[in-house]
Amino acid sequence: MAEIELNAGNFDGIITGSDQPVLVDFWAPWCGPCRMLAPTVAAVANKYGDKVKVCKVNVDEEPDLARRFEIMYIPTLIVFRNGQPVRQSNGLVREDEILKMLEI
């Protein structure tokens, strides 16, 4: 399953409407570590798309979402369950660490 691009208009509907955990990658195109993490996030989406929704938020295009979740560093990954953030990581993480965050 492909990653879903989130914005202010669709964020709440996708996050609160999901019966699966949602992994949200807060990133920016100019961010080197974000580009390094992108293939790992894409691999999670491809391998586990039936168990988790994988989404991305470009913080340059969606600064209000970044402020709402107090994103101070990118890349930041947040796992949502039942519409609420339950886990967060900053910086580069391995696929197994993401799976541990998702409890897969």
Foldseek 3Di string as FASTA:
>chain_A
DAAAEDAPVCVQVVLQVDQAKEKEWEEAPVDPQSVVQVVLLRVCCVPPVVRYHYYYYDCVRHVVVCVVVVPPAPGKIFIGHNNHTDDMDHTHDHNVVVCVNRVD
